[in-house]
N, C-alpha and C. Protein backbone atom coordinates (compact mmCIF):
# COMPACT_ATOMS: atom_id res chain seq x y z
N MET A 1 0.82 -1.20 0.00
CA MET A 1 0.00 0.00 0.00
C MET A 1 0.86 1.26 0.00
N LEU A 2 2.01 1.18 0.63
CA LEU A 2 2.89 2.34 0.69
C LEU A 2 3.29 2.79 -0.71
N GLY A 3 3.54 1.85 -1.60
CA GLY A 3 3.90 2.21 -2.97
C GLY A 3 2.81 3.01 -3.66
N THR A 4 1.55 2.68 -3.38
CA THR A 4 0.42 3.42 -3.96
C THR A 4 0.41 4.85 -3.45
N GLU A 5 0.66 5.03 -2.15
CA GLU A 5 0.68 6.38 -1.59
C GLU A 5 1.81 7.21 -2.19
N LEU A 6 2.97 6.60 -2.34
CA LEU A 6 4.09 7.32 -2.95
C LEU A 6 3.78 7.67 -4.39
N MET A 7 3.14 6.76 -5.10
CA MET A 7 2.76 7.02 -6.49
C MET A 7 1.78 8.19 -6.55
N SER A 8 0.81 8.23 -5.65
CA SER A 8 -0.17 9.31 -5.63
C SER A 8 0.51 10.65 -5.38
N ASP A 9 1.46 10.68 -4.45
CA ASP A 9 2.17 11.92 -4.18
C ASP A 9 2.96 12.38 -5.40
N ALA A 10 3.56 11.44 -6.12
CA ALA A 10 4.32 11.79 -7.32
C ALA A 10 3.40 12.35 -8.39
N VAL A 11 2.23 11.76 -8.55
CA VAL A 11 1.27 12.26 -9.53
C VAL A 11 0.81 13.66 -9.14
N ALA A 12 0.57 13.86 -7.85
CA ALA A 12 0.10 15.17 -7.38
C ALA A 12 1.12 16.26 -7.69
N ARG A 13 2.39 15.94 -7.55
CA ARG A 13 3.41 16.95 -7.80
C ARG A 13 3.62 17.19 -9.30
N ASN A 14 3.46 16.15 -10.11
CA ASN A 14 3.78 16.27 -11.52
C ASN A 14 2.62 16.72 -12.39
N LYS A 15 1.39 16.41 -11.99
CA LYS A 15 0.25 16.77 -12.82
C LYS A 15 -0.88 17.25 -11.93
N THR A 16 -0.82 18.51 -11.55
CA THR A 16 -1.82 19.11 -10.69
C THR A 16 -2.48 20.26 -11.44
N VAL A 17 -3.80 20.33 -11.33
CA VAL A 17 -4.57 21.38 -11.99
C VAL A 17 -5.17 22.28 -10.92
N ALA A 18 -4.90 23.59 -10.99
CA ALA A 18 -5.49 24.53 -10.05
C ALA A 18 -6.92 24.84 -10.49
N TYR A 19 -7.85 24.85 -9.53
CA TYR A 19 -9.26 25.10 -9.83
C TYR A 19 -9.94 25.67 -8.60
N LYS A 20 -10.40 26.91 -8.69
CA LYS A 20 -11.14 27.58 -7.62
C LYS A 20 -10.42 27.52 -6.27
N GLY A 21 -9.12 27.70 -6.27
CA GLY A 21 -8.35 27.70 -5.03
C GLY A 21 -7.95 26.31 -4.54
N TYR A 22 -8.33 25.28 -5.28
CA TYR A 22 -7.97 23.91 -4.94
C TYR A 22 -6.98 23.40 -5.98
N GLU A 23 -6.29 22.34 -5.65
CA GLU A 23 -5.41 21.66 -6.61
C GLU A 23 -5.97 20.27 -6.81
N ILE A 24 -6.15 19.89 -8.07
CA ILE A 24 -6.71 18.57 -8.37
C ILE A 24 -5.66 17.75 -9.10
N CYS A 25 -5.45 16.54 -8.64
CA CYS A 25 -4.73 15.57 -9.42
C CYS A 25 -5.66 14.38 -9.56
N MET A 26 -5.34 13.46 -10.42
CA MET A 26 -6.25 12.36 -10.67
C MET A 26 -6.54 11.59 -9.39
N GLY A 27 -7.75 11.70 -8.87
CA GLY A 27 -8.16 10.94 -7.70
C GLY A 27 -7.98 11.65 -6.37
N SER A 28 -7.49 12.90 -6.37
CA SER A 28 -7.27 13.61 -5.11
C SER A 28 -7.51 15.09 -5.28
N VAL A 29 -7.93 15.75 -4.18
CA VAL A 29 -8.08 17.20 -4.16
C VAL A 29 -7.30 17.72 -2.95
N TYR A 30 -6.50 18.74 -3.21
CA TYR A 30 -5.65 19.35 -2.17
C TYR A 30 -6.03 20.80 -1.97
N LYS A 31 -5.92 21.28 -0.73
CA LYS A 31 -6.11 22.70 -0.42
C LYS A 31 -4.92 23.12 0.43
N ASP A 32 -4.18 24.12 -0.01
CA ASP A 32 -3.00 24.61 0.71
C ASP A 32 -1.99 23.48 0.96
N GLY A 33 -1.86 22.60 -0.01
CA GLY A 33 -0.88 21.53 0.07
C GLY A 33 -1.29 20.32 0.90
N GLU A 34 -2.45 20.37 1.53
CA GLU A 34 -2.93 19.26 2.34
C GLU A 34 -4.04 18.52 1.58
N PRO A 35 -4.02 17.19 1.62
CA PRO A 35 -5.08 16.46 0.91
C PRO A 35 -6.42 16.64 1.63
N LEU A 36 -7.45 17.07 0.88
CA LEU A 36 -8.79 17.19 1.44
C LEU A 36 -9.53 15.87 1.35
N PHE A 37 -9.49 15.26 0.17
CA PHE A 37 -10.12 13.96 0.01
C PHE A 37 -9.58 13.28 -1.23
N HIS A 38 -9.79 11.99 -1.28
CA HIS A 38 -9.41 11.17 -2.43
C HIS A 38 -10.68 10.52 -2.95
N TYR A 39 -10.76 10.29 -4.23
CA TYR A 39 -11.93 9.66 -4.81
C TYR A 39 -11.49 8.61 -5.82
N TYR A 40 -12.37 7.69 -6.08
CA TYR A 40 -12.07 6.57 -6.96
C TYR A 40 -12.20 6.99 -8.42
N VAL A 41 -11.21 6.68 -9.22
CA VAL A 41 -11.25 6.91 -10.66
C VAL A 41 -11.09 5.56 -11.35
N PRO A 42 -12.08 5.14 -12.14
CA PRO A 42 -11.96 3.83 -12.80
C PRO A 42 -10.73 3.76 -13.70
N LEU A 43 -10.14 2.59 -13.78
CA LEU A 43 -8.98 2.39 -14.65
C LEU A 43 -9.34 2.76 -16.08
N GLY A 44 -8.44 3.46 -16.74
CA GLY A 44 -8.66 3.82 -18.14
C GLY A 44 -9.37 5.13 -18.33
N GLU A 45 -9.70 5.82 -17.24
CA GLU A 45 -10.43 7.08 -17.37
C GLU A 45 -9.52 8.25 -17.76
N GLY A 46 -8.23 8.11 -17.59
CA GLY A 46 -7.31 9.19 -17.98
C GLY A 46 -7.60 10.47 -17.22
N ASP A 47 -7.68 11.60 -17.94
CA ASP A 47 -7.90 12.90 -17.32
C ASP A 47 -9.31 13.07 -16.79
N GLY A 48 -10.17 12.08 -16.98
CA GLY A 48 -11.52 12.15 -16.42
C GLY A 48 -11.50 12.34 -14.93
N GLY A 49 -10.44 11.90 -14.26
CA GLY A 49 -10.35 12.08 -12.81
C GLY A 49 -10.26 13.54 -12.43
N VAL A 50 -9.61 14.37 -13.26
CA VAL A 50 -9.54 15.80 -13.00
C VAL A 50 -10.91 16.42 -13.18
N GLU A 51 -11.62 16.03 -14.23
CA GLU A 51 -12.97 16.55 -14.46
C GLU A 51 -13.91 16.14 -13.33
N GLN A 52 -13.76 14.93 -12.83
CA GLN A 52 -14.58 14.48 -11.71
C GLN A 52 -14.28 15.31 -10.47
N GLY A 53 -13.00 15.62 -10.24
CA GLY A 53 -12.62 16.48 -9.11
C GLY A 53 -13.24 17.86 -9.22
N LYS A 54 -13.29 18.43 -10.43
CA LYS A 54 -13.93 19.74 -10.63
C LYS A 54 -15.42 19.67 -10.29
N ARG A 55 -16.08 18.59 -10.70
CA ARG A 55 -17.51 18.45 -10.39
C ARG A 55 -17.73 18.36 -8.89
N ILE A 56 -16.86 17.64 -8.19
CA ILE A 56 -16.99 17.52 -6.73
C ILE A 56 -16.81 18.89 -6.07
N ILE A 57 -15.81 19.65 -6.51
CA ILE A 57 -15.58 20.98 -5.94
C ILE A 57 -16.77 21.89 -6.21
N ASP A 58 -17.31 21.84 -7.44
CA ASP A 58 -18.50 22.64 -7.76
C ASP A 58 -19.66 22.25 -6.84
N GLN A 59 -19.85 20.96 -6.60
CA GLN A 59 -20.93 20.50 -5.73
C GLN A 59 -20.71 20.97 -4.30
N MET A 60 -19.47 20.97 -3.85
CA MET A 60 -19.16 21.46 -2.49
C MET A 60 -19.58 22.92 -2.38
N GLY A 61 -19.34 23.70 -3.43
CA GLY A 61 -19.72 25.11 -3.42
C GLY A 61 -21.22 25.30 -3.35
N LYS A 62 -21.96 24.46 -4.04
CA LYS A 62 -23.44 24.55 -4.01
C LYS A 62 -23.97 24.19 -2.64
N ASP A 63 -23.34 23.22 -1.98
CA ASP A 63 -23.80 22.78 -0.66
C ASP A 63 -23.62 23.87 0.38
N SER A 64 -22.65 24.76 0.21
CA SER A 64 -22.38 25.79 1.22
C SER A 64 -23.23 27.05 1.02
N ASP A 65 -23.96 27.12 -0.08
CA ASP A 65 -24.82 28.30 -0.33
C ASP A 65 -26.02 28.33 0.58
């Protein structure tokens, strides 16, 4: 399991997309460098994980209104 965590950290550093003050990498959302949550991305989805992260952040914004 440790290898998976290290892999996730490497992905977060190498391919992170900034969106509404959050940073999204495939399967994870970070705020101020700290992981807020991780979500499941089906194998083969590619960048769909980033789009899914944007939808989750948008939904979080609607919930706080």
